[in-house]
Protein backbone atom coordinates (compact mmCIF):
# COMPACT_ATOMS: atom_id res chain seq x y z
CA MET A 1 -2.17 -15.11 3.60
CA SER A 2 -5.80 -13.84 3.25
CA LEU A 3 -6.01 -11.61 0.06
CA LYS A 4 -9.24 -11.63 -1.49
CA ILE A 5 -10.34 -9.86 -4.89
CA GLN A 6 -11.41 -6.45 -4.17
CA THR A 7 -11.67 -3.16 -6.08
CA ILE A 8 -9.62 -0.29 -4.77
CA LEU A 9 -8.58 3.05 -5.74
CA LEU A 10 -4.66 3.60 -6.27
CA ALA A 11 -2.59 6.45 -7.35
CA THR A 12 -1.00 5.74 -10.56
CA GLY A 13 0.98 9.07 -10.70
CA GLU A 14 1.15 12.38 -8.94
CA PHE A 15 -2.33 13.46 -10.00
CA ASN A 16 -3.83 10.22 -11.38
CA LYS A 17 -5.86 7.50 -9.60
CA GLN A 18 -7.35 4.23 -11.03
CA LEU A 19 -9.70 1.85 -9.69
CA VAL A 20 -8.23 -1.69 -9.67
CA THR A 21 -9.54 -5.03 -9.12
CA THR A 22 -6.68 -7.14 -7.39
CA PRO A 23 -6.18 -9.40 -4.37
CA CYS A 24 -5.94 -7.42 -1.21
CA GLU A 25 -6.76 -7.24 2.53
CA PHE A 26 -7.82 -4.09 4.31
CA LEU A 27 -6.22 -3.05 7.61
CA TYR A 28 -8.15 0.27 7.46
CA PRO A 29 -6.95 2.85 6.83
CA LEU A 30 -4.18 0.78 4.87
CA VAL A 31 -4.51 -1.86 2.21
CA ILE A 32 -2.15 -4.74 1.49
CA HIS A 33 -2.50 -5.56 -2.39
CA ARG A 34 -0.75 -7.28 -5.26
CA THR A 35 0.83 -4.63 -7.58
CA ILE A 36 -1.00 -2.90 -10.50
CA ASP A 37 1.77 -4.18 -12.92
CA GLU A 38 1.24 -7.77 -11.94
CA THR A 39 -2.45 -7.65 -11.78
CA ARG A 40 -2.43 -6.13 -15.40
CA ALA A 41 -0.05 -8.72 -16.62
CA LYS A 42 -2.06 -11.46 -15.31
CA GLU A 43 -5.33 -10.27 -16.72
CA SER A 44 -3.73 -9.95 -20.08
CA GLY A 45 -2.36 -13.42 -19.84
CA GLU A 46 1.38 -12.17 -19.68
CA ARG A 47 1.83 -14.07 -16.46
CA SER A 48 0.11 -17.05 -15.05
CA ARG A 49 0.44 -16.29 -11.18
CA PHE A 50 1.59 -13.56 -9.03
CA SER A 51 4.99 -13.17 -7.35
CA LYS A 52 5.28 -12.73 -3.59
CA LYS A 53 5.57 -8.97 -4.03
CA VAL A 54 2.89 -7.00 -2.27
CA ALA A 55 2.41 -3.25 -1.65
CA VAL A 56 1.11 -1.35 1.24
CA SER A 57 -0.98 1.74 0.30
CA HIS A 58 -3.09 4.19 2.01
CA LEU A 59 -6.67 3.44 1.32
CA LEU A 60 -8.02 7.15 1.40
CA THR A 61 -5.54 8.57 -1.20
CA GLY A 62 -4.48 5.45 -2.97
CA GLY A 63 -0.73 6.45 -2.34
CA GLN A 64 1.76 3.52 -1.94
CA LEU A 65 3.69 3.60 1.32
CA ALA A 66 6.08 0.43 0.80
CA LEU A 67 6.47 -2.45 -1.86
CA CYS A 68 7.38 -5.56 -0.07
CA ARG A 69 9.14 -8.76 -0.88
CA SER A 70 6.58 -10.81 1.09
CA TYR A 71 2.99 -10.70 2.55
CA GLU A 72 4.56 -11.13 6.12
CA ASN A 73 6.81 -7.90 5.74
CA ALA A 74 3.95 -6.03 4.34
CA TYR A 75 1.51 -7.19 7.18
CA ALA A 76 4.07 -6.16 9.70
CA ILE A 77 4.48 -2.67 8.18
CA ALA A 78 0.69 -2.18 7.92
CA GLU A 79 0.03 -3.27 11.39
CA ALA A 80 2.63 -0.82 12.83
CA LEU A 81 1.17 2.03 10.90
CA GLN A 82 -2.36 1.28 11.26
CA GLU A 83 -3.20 3.09 14.46
CA GLU A 84 -1.35 6.24 13.33
CA GLU A 85 -4.12 9.10 13.49
CA ILE A 86 -2.35 10.78 10.37
CA PHE A 87 -3.74 8.02 8.00
CA LEU A 88 -7.19 9.13 8.62
CA MET A 89 -6.51 12.46 6.67
CA PRO A 90 -8.38 11.77 3.23
CA SER A 91 -5.95 13.78 0.99
CA ILE A 92 -2.15 14.28 0.28
CA ASP A 93 -2.57 18.05 1.30
CA LEU A 94 -3.88 17.11 4.70
CA LEU A 95 -1.44 14.39 5.32
CA MET A 96 1.53 16.54 4.45
CA THR A 97 0.40 19.33 6.78
CA HIS A 98 -0.55 17.14 9.60
CA PRO A 99 1.70 17.87 12.74
CA ASP A 100 2.77 14.19 12.80
CA TRP A 101 4.03 14.25 9.26
CA ASP A 102 7.60 14.22 10.01
CA ARG A 103 7.48 11.65 12.91
CA VAL A 104 5.42 9.39 10.91
CA ALA A 105 7.45 9.67 7.88
CA ALA A 106 10.71 8.71 9.73
CA LYS A 107 8.57 5.78 11.27
CA VAL A 108 7.71 4.64 7.60
CA ARG A 109 11.41 4.79 6.50
CA GLU A 110 12.51 2.80 9.51
CA LEU A 111 9.81 -0.05 8.87
CA LYS A 112 10.72 -0.12 5.38
CA ARG A 113 14.36 -0.71 6.33
CA ASP A 114 13.57 -3.16 9.17
CA HIS A 115 11.25 -5.33 6.91
CA PHE A 116 13.25 -5.24 3.72
CA ALA A 117 10.91 -3.14 1.70
CA ILE A 118 11.84 -2.80 -2.06
CA THR A 119 10.82 0.78 -2.20
């Protein structure tokens, strides 16, 4: 696993985004990263190390696509989605109105099921 400390913009709600400095790996336009909750807990001293859980998020919008039990599962999901042109869209509105939205959403659901994603 090659997660390096980086600062990325992540969605923390429907309309909120936050810059988070956390271990991550870029597979543009996606990013594999530690969860915000674990990053905050580690920074505050509530936990001494990260679990194996990692998330796959869309780098341009900060939206989370999957929460995975392991780096290997997250990497498999990100790698399978990396070449989808829909993920080059810079906003949620453009993603949702893209002609490939339904097909890619089904692909994401299938990948999450096949790679045992938590969410």
